[in-house]
Amino acid sequence: MVKQKKHHRVKKQVSSTLFLGNLDEVLHSDEQLLLAEALQTRPPKAIRMRLPQARGLALERPLPFSSDSVPWYAAGHFCNEAHQPGRFLQHAAGVYFVQDAGSMLALRLLDVQPHEWVADICAAPGAKASAILEKVGPGNGFLLANEPIRGRLPALEFNLARVGFPRYCITSKDPERLSPQWKEQFDAALIDAPCTGQMLVGRGKQSFAAFTESQIAHSAARQLRIVSAASSLVRPGGRLVYSTCTFAPTENEDVIETFLATHEGWHVEHVAELQQWQSPRSPGGYRLYPHRDRCAGAYAVRLRLSGNREPEQKSSRQKEMKDEPLVLGKDSVGSTRGGCRIQHGNRWEEVPSDIERKIEVSCGRHGEIAYRPAKQWRPSHALGLRRDQYWSPSGTHELDDYGAQQFMQGLSLPPGPLGWVVASWRGHPLGWLRGNKERLNNGLPASARLGFIPIV
């Protein structure tokens, strides 16, 4: 009886506040109650499959659970079973990433190509940034992953490391401070804008204060400032994708309309395949809802800047790339080529040479290859997960299912190769082992370890 009263009170509170932020302009009143009810439950889990060019050796059964395709994003899948998808070895090996299906809408609109330079302006925790890095790949593209809140950087670094490609730079700046160095440098920019987060109420990550007029107005003002700053980073002919996890049109359609009215040369770009999710308020903007689309919800729109940038003049001379060994203490860890190594305190990082010639390498964090927690240098977890053609570990140690399970729990393994080797499972790198005559010591960071791991 108590639970029923609480349920009724919550539904009444949500349904009465949903009208703030002119929601009735984009969602009919008879659907607003359905939305209010949907906000009280968690949406189905979803995952994003690793792209073929980043997947490594194919697994016989990549997904250890049944799934349905996400209709607006080809690599997305809804999890049909009541599992925690982050607890399987396939997730630990980077075969897939756990990500709400709604957030994949922005990735569909961004449509990154392998050669492109892309900026993710508010990148943490890194679900979208890791997808961008996969598309950028090991070729000649580049990702700038910026996160203004420093406390969120560890999650961003970890998720980018899981991709295994080093062509990125992590910065932590207010978007308005990015412009001097990066002005008109990018083919595309993504703004997953900080917002009231109304879609997160069902997950318990946001309160009903997200529906108040003061919160909505405050967020909208900040969002417009971020979009204006990010637009200066995009080259002529480039594109900008704006997305939120909130329903209020004040934070979505209104922000874009104000931006377009005050910034010349920009226009909304339609995507025919997404027509069924089009916002009734603003053609070219797209909306997802938890009561319709099996996700937390989303709003996203793609803008295009008029004009064309002159293509860069590329040198016909090919620079010879030689293997450069990485030796830590008495141990050889492996070798890399085609990169510039830089030291920042107790970290060694490596920047691909072609990127190093274009940017100021001290501007942020790059792919870490070694760190010094005390007196001894150790190979970084990010280096152990690399799978690009410019990195060769000194050795790998292939684990069976049980050994991989033990490794991901942080346990030592029976004796094997001596020195530093990369532990792998079905061809996918998991992290570092350091062997002696007695055992293989586990080099997996505590933050990457898992508890019980079902094997399917």
Protein backbone atom coordinates (compact mmCIF):
# COMPACT_ATOMS: atom_id res chain seq x y z
CA MET A 1 0.00 0.00 0.00
CA VAL A 2 2.86 2.36 0.90
CA LYS A 3 4.61 1.60 -2.40
CA GLN A 4 1.42 2.30 -4.36
CA LYS A 5 1.00 5.70 -2.70
CA LYS A 6 4.63 6.57 -3.39
CA HIS A 7 4.26 5.48 -7.01
CA HIS A 8 1.16 7.66 -7.43
CA ARG A 9 2.88 10.64 -5.80
CA VAL A 10 5.97 10.32 -8.02
CA LYS A 11 3.84 10.00 -11.17
CA LYS A 12 1.82 13.06 -10.21
CA GLN A 13 4.98 15.08 -9.49
CA VAL A 14 6.61 14.15 -12.79
CA SER A 15 3.50 14.65 -14.93
CA SER A 16 2.82 18.06 -13.40
CA THR A 17 6.33 19.34 -14.04
CA LEU A 18 6.83 17.99 -17.55
CA PHE A 19 4.98 20.95 -19.00
CA LEU A 20 7.78 23.31 -17.99
CA GLY A 21 10.22 24.19 -20.74
CA ASN A 22 7.44 24.25 -23.39
CA LEU A 23 7.46 20.45 -23.78
CA ASP A 24 3.91 20.57 -25.11
CA GLU A 25 5.34 22.07 -28.32
CA VAL A 26 7.05 18.78 -29.24
CA LEU A 27 5.03 16.08 -27.42
CA HIS A 28 1.25 15.80 -27.42
CA SER A 29 -0.39 16.08 -24.01
CA ASP A 30 -1.80 12.52 -24.09
CA GLU A 31 1.76 11.19 -24.45
CA GLN A 32 3.19 13.22 -21.60
CA LEU A 33 1.67 10.88 -19.03
CA LEU A 34 3.24 7.90 -20.82
CA LEU A 35 6.57 9.71 -20.68
CA ALA A 36 6.06 10.40 -16.97
CA GLU A 37 5.47 6.70 -16.34
CA ALA A 38 8.47 5.68 -18.45
CA LEU A 39 10.73 7.99 -16.45
CA GLN A 40 10.12 5.84 -13.37
CA THR A 41 11.80 2.79 -14.92
CA ARG A 42 15.25 2.10 -16.24
CA PRO A 43 15.59 1.70 -20.02
CA PRO A 44 16.97 -1.56 -21.45
CA LYS A 45 20.73 -1.95 -21.45
CA ALA A 46 22.41 -1.38 -24.79
CA ILE A 47 25.86 -1.90 -26.25
CA ARG A 48 27.84 -0.56 -29.19
CA MET A 49 29.73 -3.22 -31.14
CA ARG A 50 33.35 -2.52 -31.91
CA LEU A 51 33.84 -1.61 -35.56
CA PRO A 52 35.39 -4.31 -37.80
CA GLN A 53 38.58 -2.30 -38.38
CA ALA A 54 39.10 -2.09 -34.61
CA ARG A 55 37.84 -5.48 -33.50
CA GLY A 56 40.92 -7.64 -34.02
CA LEU A 57 40.32 -11.37 -34.32
CA ALA A 58 36.64 -12.23 -34.69
CA LEU A 59 35.02 -14.15 -31.86
CA GLU A 60 32.86 -17.17 -32.58
CA ARG A 61 30.03 -15.57 -30.63
CA PRO A 62 30.75 -11.87 -30.04
CA LEU A 63 27.67 -11.25 -27.88
CA PRO A 64 27.07 -13.52 -24.87
CA PHE A 65 23.36 -12.58 -24.76
CA SER A 66 20.51 -12.16 -27.22
CA SER A 67 19.99 -8.72 -28.67
CA ASP A 68 18.01 -6.55 -31.09
CA SER A 69 19.45 -3.95 -33.42
CA VAL A 70 19.18 -0.25 -32.60
CA PRO A 71 17.33 1.15 -35.64
CA TRP A 72 19.10 4.51 -35.76
CA TYR A 73 22.68 3.19 -35.36
CA ALA A 74 24.01 0.14 -37.19
CA ALA A 75 26.56 -0.88 -34.54
CA GLY A 76 24.07 -0.57 -31.65
CA HIS A 77 22.24 -3.45 -29.97
CA PHE A 78 19.61 -3.64 -27.23
CA CYS A 79 20.32 -6.32 -24.62
CA ASN A 80 17.26 -8.57 -24.36
CA GLU A 81 18.34 -10.43 -21.26
CA ALA A 82 18.67 -9.24 -17.67
CA HIS A 83 22.47 -9.31 -17.68
CA GLN A 84 25.09 -6.76 -16.71
CA PRO A 85 26.85 -6.52 -20.10
CA GLY A 86 29.92 -4.94 -18.50
CA ARG A 87 30.71 -8.15 -16.60
CA PHE A 88 31.54 -10.44 -19.52
CA LEU A 89 34.98 -11.17 -20.91
CA GLN A 90 33.82 -9.87 -24.28
CA HIS A 91 33.39 -6.43 -22.71
CA ALA A 92 36.75 -6.63 -20.95
CA ALA A 93 38.36 -7.46 -24.30
CA GLY A 94 36.78 -4.42 -25.95
CA VAL A 95 34.52 -6.40 -28.28
CA TYR A 96 31.73 -4.01 -27.33
CA PHE A 97 31.14 -0.90 -25.21
CA VAL A 98 28.17 -0.40 -22.90
CA GLN A 99 26.26 2.69 -24.04
CA ASP A 100 22.68 3.93 -23.86
CA ALA A 101 21.01 3.58 -27.25
CA GLY A 102 19.79 7.17 -27.14
CA SER A 103 23.32 8.56 -27.09
CA MET A 104 24.04 6.73 -30.35
CA LEU A 105 21.76 9.16 -32.18
CA ALA A 106 24.46 11.84 -32.02
CA LEU A 107 27.02 9.38 -33.42
CA ARG A 108 24.76 8.64 -36.36
CA LEU A 109 24.50 12.34 -37.13
CA LEU A 110 28.24 12.94 -36.65
CA ASP A 111 29.06 10.20 -39.21
CA VAL A 112 32.83 10.30 -38.68
CA GLN A 113 35.13 9.27 -41.55
CA PRO A 114 38.57 7.66 -40.98
CA HIS A 115 40.67 10.60 -42.21
CA GLU A 116 38.87 13.33 -40.28
CA TRP A 117 39.90 15.55 -37.38
CA VAL A 118 37.08 15.58 -34.83
CA ALA A 119 36.60 17.51 -31.57
CA ASP A 120 34.44 16.16 -28.75
CA ILE A 121 33.89 19.26 -26.61
CA CYS A 122 32.35 17.67 -23.49
CA ALA A 123 33.79 14.18 -23.81
CA ALA A 124 33.60 12.39 -20.43
CA PRO A 125 32.96 9.65 -19.58
CA GLY A 126 33.92 8.70 -23.12
CA ALA A 127 31.20 6.54 -24.69
CA LYS A 128 30.86 8.79 -27.73
CA ALA A 129 34.55 9.76 -27.74
CA SER A 130 35.60 6.10 -27.90
CA ALA A 131 33.24 5.54 -30.83
CA ILE A 132 34.78 8.54 -32.61
CA LEU A 133 38.30 7.22 -31.97
CA GLU A 134 37.34 3.86 -33.44
CA LYS A 135 36.18 5.59 -36.63
CA VAL A 136 39.28 7.82 -36.73
CA GLY A 137 41.25 4.59 -36.51
CA PRO A 138 45.01 4.14 -36.73
CA GLY A 139 45.31 6.08 -40.02
CA ASN A 140 45.66 9.86 -40.34
CA GLY A 141 42.60 11.12 -38.43
CA PHE A 142 42.66 12.70 -34.98
CA LEU A 143 40.39 13.15 -31.94
CA LEU A 144 40.50 16.07 -29.53
CA ALA A 145 38.65 14.90 -26.41
CA ASN A 146 37.99 17.87 -24.15
CA GLU A 147 36.39 17.60 -20.72
CA PRO A 148 36.11 20.81 -18.68
CA ILE A 149 35.58 18.96 -15.36
CA ARG A 150 38.94 17.53 -14.29
CA GLY A 151 37.40 14.99 -11.92
CA ARG A 152 35.89 13.21 -14.92
CA LEU A 153 39.18 12.77 -16.81
CA PRO A 154 40.15 9.31 -15.42
CA ALA A 155 37.02 7.70 -16.86
CA LEU A 156 37.65 9.42 -20.20
CA GLU A 157 41.29 8.27 -20.32
CA PHE A 158 40.31 4.70 -19.47
CA ASN A 159 37.63 4.46 -22.15
CA LEU A 160 39.88 5.92 -24.85
CA ALA A 161 42.66 3.51 -23.86
CA ARG A 162 40.26 0.60 -24.39
CA VAL A 163 39.99 1.50 -28.08
CA GLY A 164 43.69 0.82 -28.61
CA PHE A 165 44.44 3.67 -31.05
CA PRO A 166 46.75 6.51 -29.91
CA ARG A 167 45.56 9.26 -32.27
CA TYR A 168 43.98 11.50 -29.65
CA CYS A 169 44.68 14.32 -27.24
CA ILE A 170 42.82 14.91 -23.97
CA THR A 171 42.38 18.47 -22.73
CA SER A 172 40.47 19.99 -19.82
CA LYS A 173 39.49 23.52 -20.79
CA ASP A 174 36.42 25.68 -20.86
CA PRO A 175 35.21 25.50 -24.49
CA GLU A 176 35.80 29.24 -24.92
CA ARG A 177 39.50 28.73 -24.19
CA LEU A 178 39.96 26.11 -26.94
CA SER A 179 39.53 28.54 -29.83
CA PRO A 180 42.94 30.31 -29.94
CA GLN A 181 44.89 27.11 -30.66
CA TRP A 182 42.28 25.03 -32.47
CA LYS A 183 40.42 27.63 -34.55
CA GLU A 184 39.00 26.07 -37.76
CA GLN A 185 41.06 22.90 -37.31
CA PHE A 186 38.29 20.29 -37.32
CA ASP A 187 36.12 18.60 -39.91
CA ALA A 188 33.49 17.94 -37.26
CA ALA A 189 32.70 18.83 -33.65
CA LEU A 190 30.41 17.10 -31.18
CA ILE A 191 28.74 18.95 -28.31
CA ASP A 192 27.04 16.58 -25.89
CA ALA A 193 26.00 19.61 -23.88
CA PRO A 194 25.71 19.71 -20.08
CA CYS A 195 21.98 20.00 -19.40
CA THR A 196 19.29 19.47 -16.79
CA GLY A 197 19.48 15.75 -17.52
CA GLN A 198 15.75 15.12 -17.38
CA MET A 199 16.24 11.77 -19.11
CA LEU A 200 18.36 10.55 -16.15
CA VAL A 201 15.56 10.71 -13.57
CA GLY A 202 14.61 7.08 -14.25
CA ARG A 203 18.17 5.98 -13.51
CA GLY A 204 18.29 7.80 -10.20
CA LYS A 205 21.05 10.09 -11.48
CA GLN A 206 18.93 13.23 -11.50
CA SER A 207 16.17 14.71 -9.31
CA PHE A 208 12.90 16.34 -10.26
CA ALA A 209 14.59 19.72 -9.90
CA ALA A 210 15.69 19.11 -13.48
CA PHE A 211 12.18 20.12 -14.56
CA THR A 212 12.15 23.55 -12.89
CA GLU A 213 12.17 26.70 -14.98
CA SER A 214 15.26 28.11 -13.24
CA GLN A 215 17.34 24.98 -13.97
CA ILE A 216 16.20 24.88 -17.59
CA ALA A 217 16.97 28.57 -18.18
CA HIS A 218 20.40 28.26 -16.55
CA SER A 219 21.33 25.24 -18.68
CA ALA A 220 20.10 26.84 -21.91
CA ALA A 221 22.29 29.92 -21.37
CA ARG A 222 25.34 27.73 -20.77
CA GLN A 223 24.57 25.56 -23.79
CA LEU A 224 24.34 28.53 -26.13
CA ARG A 225 27.73 29.77 -24.88
CA ILE A 226 29.30 26.33 -25.52
CA VAL A 227 27.83 25.97 -29.01
CA SER A 228 29.05 29.44 -29.96
CA ALA A 229 32.57 28.64 -28.74
CA ALA A 230 32.69 25.22 -30.42
CA SER A 231 31.53 26.60 -33.77
CA SER A 232 34.80 28.51 -34.14
CA LEU A 233 36.73 25.21 -34.13
CA VAL A 234 35.01 23.91 -37.27
CA ARG A 235 36.56 24.55 -40.68
CA PRO A 236 34.48 25.96 -43.56
CA GLY A 237 32.42 23.12 -44.99
CA GLY A 238 32.59 21.24 -41.68
CA ARG A 239 29.77 20.15 -39.40
CA LEU A 240 28.70 20.42 -35.79
CA VAL A 241 26.43 18.01 -33.91
CA TYR A 242 24.58 19.25 -30.82
CA SER A 243 22.94 16.76 -28.45
CA THR A 244 21.45 16.63 -24.96
CA CYS A 245 19.85 14.14 -22.58
CA THR A 246 16.94 16.42 -21.74
CA PHE A 247 13.42 16.89 -23.11
CA ALA A 248 12.90 20.65 -22.69
CA PRO A 249 12.75 22.47 -26.05
CA THR A 250 14.27 25.48 -24.27
CA GLU A 251 17.52 23.47 -24.06
CA ASN A 252 17.20 21.92 -27.49
CA GLU A 253 15.35 23.54 -30.41
CA ASP A 254 15.46 27.01 -28.82
CA VAL A 255 19.24 26.89 -28.38
CA ILE A 256 19.76 25.97 -32.02
CA GLU A 257 17.32 28.58 -33.30
CA THR A 258 19.09 31.29 -31.30
CA PHE A 259 22.49 30.10 -32.50
CA LEU A 260 21.44 30.14 -36.16
CA ALA A 261 19.97 33.62 -35.79
CA THR A 262 23.25 34.99 -34.44
CA HIS A 263 25.87 33.04 -36.47
CA GLU A 264 26.08 33.46 -40.23
CA GLY A 265 26.90 30.61 -42.58
CA TRP A 266 25.39 27.81 -40.51
CA HIS A 267 22.33 25.76 -41.45
CA VAL A 268 20.54 22.62 -40.25
CA GLU A 269 21.32 19.50 -42.29
CA HIS A 270 18.60 16.88 -42.70
CA VAL A 271 19.20 13.11 -42.60
CA ALA A 272 16.51 11.27 -44.55
CA GLU A 273 17.06 7.95 -42.73
CA LEU A 274 16.09 9.56 -39.41
CA GLN A 275 12.83 11.07 -40.65
CA GLN A 276 10.61 9.05 -38.28
CA TRP A 277 12.33 10.64 -35.24
CA GLN A 278 12.14 14.21 -36.53
CA SER A 279 11.17 16.91 -34.04
CA PRO A 280 7.80 18.47 -34.92
CA ARG A 281 9.15 21.80 -33.74
CA SER A 282 12.33 21.90 -35.83
CA PRO A 283 12.87 19.83 -39.02
CA GLY A 284 16.41 18.48 -38.99
CA GLY A 285 16.39 18.02 -35.23
CA TYR A 286 15.66 14.50 -33.95
CA ARG A 287 14.15 13.23 -30.70
CA LEU A 288 13.98 9.88 -28.93
CA TYR A 289 11.70 9.11 -25.97
CA PRO A 290 11.83 6.32 -23.35
CA HIS A 291 8.16 5.36 -23.85
CA ARG A 292 8.67 5.03 -27.62
CA ASP A 293 12.25 4.03 -28.30
CA ARG A 294 13.56 1.70 -25.54
CA CYS A 295 16.21 4.18 -24.41
CA ALA A 296 16.65 7.02 -21.92
CA GLY A 297 15.87 9.50 -24.69
CA ALA A 298 17.89 12.01 -26.71
CA TYR A 299 17.83 15.15 -28.79
CA ALA A 300 20.36 15.75 -31.56
CA VAL A 301 20.79 17.97 -34.61
CA ARG A 302 23.51 18.40 -37.25
CA LEU A 303 24.60 21.83 -38.47
CA ARG A 304 26.77 22.55 -41.51
CA LEU A 305 29.05 25.56 -42.08
CA SER A 306 29.06 26.98 -45.59
CA GLY A 307 32.27 27.21 -47.63
CA ASN A 308 35.22 25.01 -48.42
CA ARG A 309 38.73 24.86 -46.99
CA GLU A 310 41.69 24.53 -49.30
CA PRO A 311 43.11 20.99 -49.13
CA GLU A 312 46.42 20.61 -47.32
CA GLN A 313 49.55 20.20 -49.40
CA LYS A 314 50.97 16.81 -48.54
CA SER A 315 54.61 16.05 -49.01
CA SER A 316 55.40 13.25 -51.44
CA ARG A 317 58.45 12.30 -49.39
CA GLN A 318 57.83 9.40 -47.05
CA LYS A 319 59.61 9.61 -43.73
CA GLU A 320 61.37 6.41 -42.83
CA MET A 321 60.00 5.03 -39.56
CA LYS A 322 62.28 2.91 -37.43
CA ASP A 323 61.37 0.75 -34.47
CA GLU A 324 62.23 2.44 -31.19
CA PRO A 325 62.54 -0.02 -28.27
CA LEU A 326 60.89 0.82 -24.97
CA VAL A 327 63.12 -0.44 -22.15
CA LEU A 328 62.01 -0.04 -18.53
CA GLY A 329 64.75 -0.93 -16.08
CA LYS A 330 66.23 -4.16 -17.35
CA ASP A 331 63.13 -5.24 -19.26
CA SER A 332 62.27 -4.60 -22.87
CA VAL A 333 58.54 -4.02 -23.13
CA GLY A 334 58.25 -3.74 -26.90
CA SER A 335 58.87 -1.21 -29.62
CA THR A 336 56.96 1.61 -31.28
CA ARG A 337 57.57 3.55 -34.49
CA GLY A 338 56.33 6.70 -36.08
CA GLY A 339 55.88 8.55 -32.78
CA CYS A 340 57.38 11.36 -30.71
CA ARG A 341 57.95 10.50 -27.05
CA ILE A 342 57.49 13.19 -24.43
CA GLN A 343 57.80 13.09 -20.64
CA HIS A 344 55.37 14.85 -18.31
CA GLY A 345 56.58 14.27 -14.76
CA ASN A 346 55.96 10.62 -13.92
CA ARG A 347 54.39 9.86 -17.32
CA TRP A 348 55.82 9.03 -20.73
CA GLU A 349 53.50 9.71 -23.63
CA GLU A 350 53.77 9.15 -27.35
CA VAL A 351 52.33 11.41 -30.06
CA PRO A 352 52.13 10.18 -33.67
CA SER A 353 54.73 12.14 -35.66
CA ASP A 354 52.30 13.62 -38.17
CA ILE A 355 50.13 14.99 -35.34
CA GLU A 356 53.16 16.27 -33.42
CA ARG A 357 54.08 18.45 -36.40
CA LYS A 358 50.64 20.10 -36.40
CA ILE A 359 49.84 20.74 -32.74
CA GLU A 360 51.49 21.93 -29.57
CA VAL A 361 52.14 18.64 -27.80
CA SER A 362 52.08 20.27 -24.35
CA CYS A 363 48.43 21.23 -24.86
CA GLY A 364 47.07 18.09 -23.19
CA ARG A 365 47.47 14.38 -22.53
CA HIS A 366 48.30 11.93 -25.28
CA GLY A 367 48.65 8.15 -25.41
CA GLU A 368 50.47 7.08 -22.25
CA ILE A 369 53.15 4.43 -22.72
CA ALA A 370 54.80 4.31 -19.26
CA TYR A 371 54.39 5.72 -15.76
CA ARG A 372 56.32 5.76 -12.49
CA PRO A 373 54.14 5.14 -9.40
CA ALA A 374 57.21 4.99 -7.10
CA LYS A 375 60.84 4.38 -8.06
CA GLN A 376 60.31 1.94 -10.90
CA TRP A 377 58.88 2.68 -14.33
CA ARG A 378 56.03 0.45 -15.51
CA PRO A 379 54.35 0.05 -18.91
CA SER A 380 50.98 1.76 -18.95
CA HIS A 381 47.69 -0.05 -19.24
CA ALA A 382 46.94 2.03 -22.36
CA LEU A 383 50.09 0.68 -24.05
CA GLY A 384 49.09 -2.89 -23.23
CA LEU A 385 45.74 -2.35 -24.96
CA ARG A 386 47.16 -0.80 -28.12
CA ARG A 387 46.34 -2.64 -31.33
CA ASP A 388 47.63 -0.32 -34.05
CA GLN A 389 50.32 -1.32 -36.54
CA TYR A 390 52.93 0.98 -34.98
CA TRP A 391 53.21 -1.00 -31.72
CA SER A 392 54.81 -4.41 -31.19
CA PRO A 393 54.95 -5.89 -27.66
CA SER A 394 57.97 -7.98 -26.72
CA GLY A 395 55.65 -10.87 -26.07
CA THR A 396 52.04 -11.93 -25.64
CA HIS A 397 50.53 -14.65 -23.50
CA GLU A 398 47.25 -16.09 -24.78
CA LEU A 399 44.85 -17.05 -21.98
CA ASP A 400 42.02 -19.55 -22.05
CA ASP A 401 38.60 -18.58 -20.67
CA TYR A 402 39.47 -19.52 -17.10
CA GLY A 403 42.84 -17.75 -17.21
CA ALA A 404 41.24 -14.60 -18.62
CA GLN A 405 38.64 -14.69 -15.87
CA GLN A 406 41.39 -14.97 -13.22
CA PHE A 407 43.35 -12.15 -14.86
CA MET A 408 40.38 -9.76 -14.93
CA GLN A 409 39.82 -10.44 -11.24
CA GLY A 410 43.34 -9.20 -10.56
CA LEU A 411 44.82 -12.59 -9.64
CA SER A 412 48.30 -13.93 -10.36
CA LEU A 413 48.63 -16.76 -12.86
CA PRO A 414 50.83 -19.88 -13.09
CA PRO A 415 54.42 -19.48 -14.40
CA GLY A 416 54.83 -18.58 -18.06
CA PRO A 417 56.98 -16.16 -20.05
CA LEU A 418 59.52 -14.08 -18.16
CA GLY A 419 59.36 -10.28 -18.04
CA TRP A 420 56.58 -8.02 -19.30
CA VAL A 421 54.09 -9.61 -21.71
CA VAL A 422 50.62 -8.61 -22.88
CA ALA A 423 47.86 -10.92 -21.70
CA SER A 424 45.36 -11.64 -24.49
CA TRP A 425 42.12 -13.56 -24.81
CA ARG A 426 41.02 -14.86 -28.21
CA GLY A 427 43.39 -12.38 -29.81
CA HIS A 428 42.22 -9.33 -27.83
CA PRO A 429 44.69 -7.58 -25.48
CA LEU A 430 43.62 -7.38 -21.82
CA GLY A 431 46.62 -5.80 -20.07
CA TRP A 432 50.06 -6.59 -18.67
CA LEU A 433 51.57 -9.62 -16.95
CA ARG A 434 55.09 -9.73 -15.54
CA GLY A 435 56.55 -13.19 -15.29
CA ASN A 436 59.18 -14.65 -12.98
CA LYS A 437 60.12 -18.26 -12.24
CA GLU A 438 57.27 -18.67 -9.74
CA ARG A 439 54.26 -16.98 -11.35
CA LEU A 440 52.88 -14.35 -13.69
CA ASN A 441 52.18 -11.22 -11.67
CA ASN A 442 49.06 -9.30 -12.62
CA GLY A 443 49.57 -5.74 -13.91
CA LEU A 444 45.88 -4.88 -14.32
CA PRO A 445 44.92 -1.56 -12.67
CA ALA A 446 42.47 -1.88 -9.80
CA SER A 447 39.97 0.30 -11.66
CA ALA A 448 39.85 -2.20 -14.53
CA ARG A 449 39.28 -5.33 -12.42
CA LEU A 450 35.98 -7.18 -12.32
CA GLY A 451 34.32 -9.39 -9.75
CA PHE A 452 32.35 -12.42 -10.86
CA ILE A 453 32.67 -12.92 -14.61
CA PRO A 454 30.24 -15.27 -16.38
CA ILE A 455 31.79 -17.18 -19.28
CA VAL A 456 29.52 -17.91 -22.21
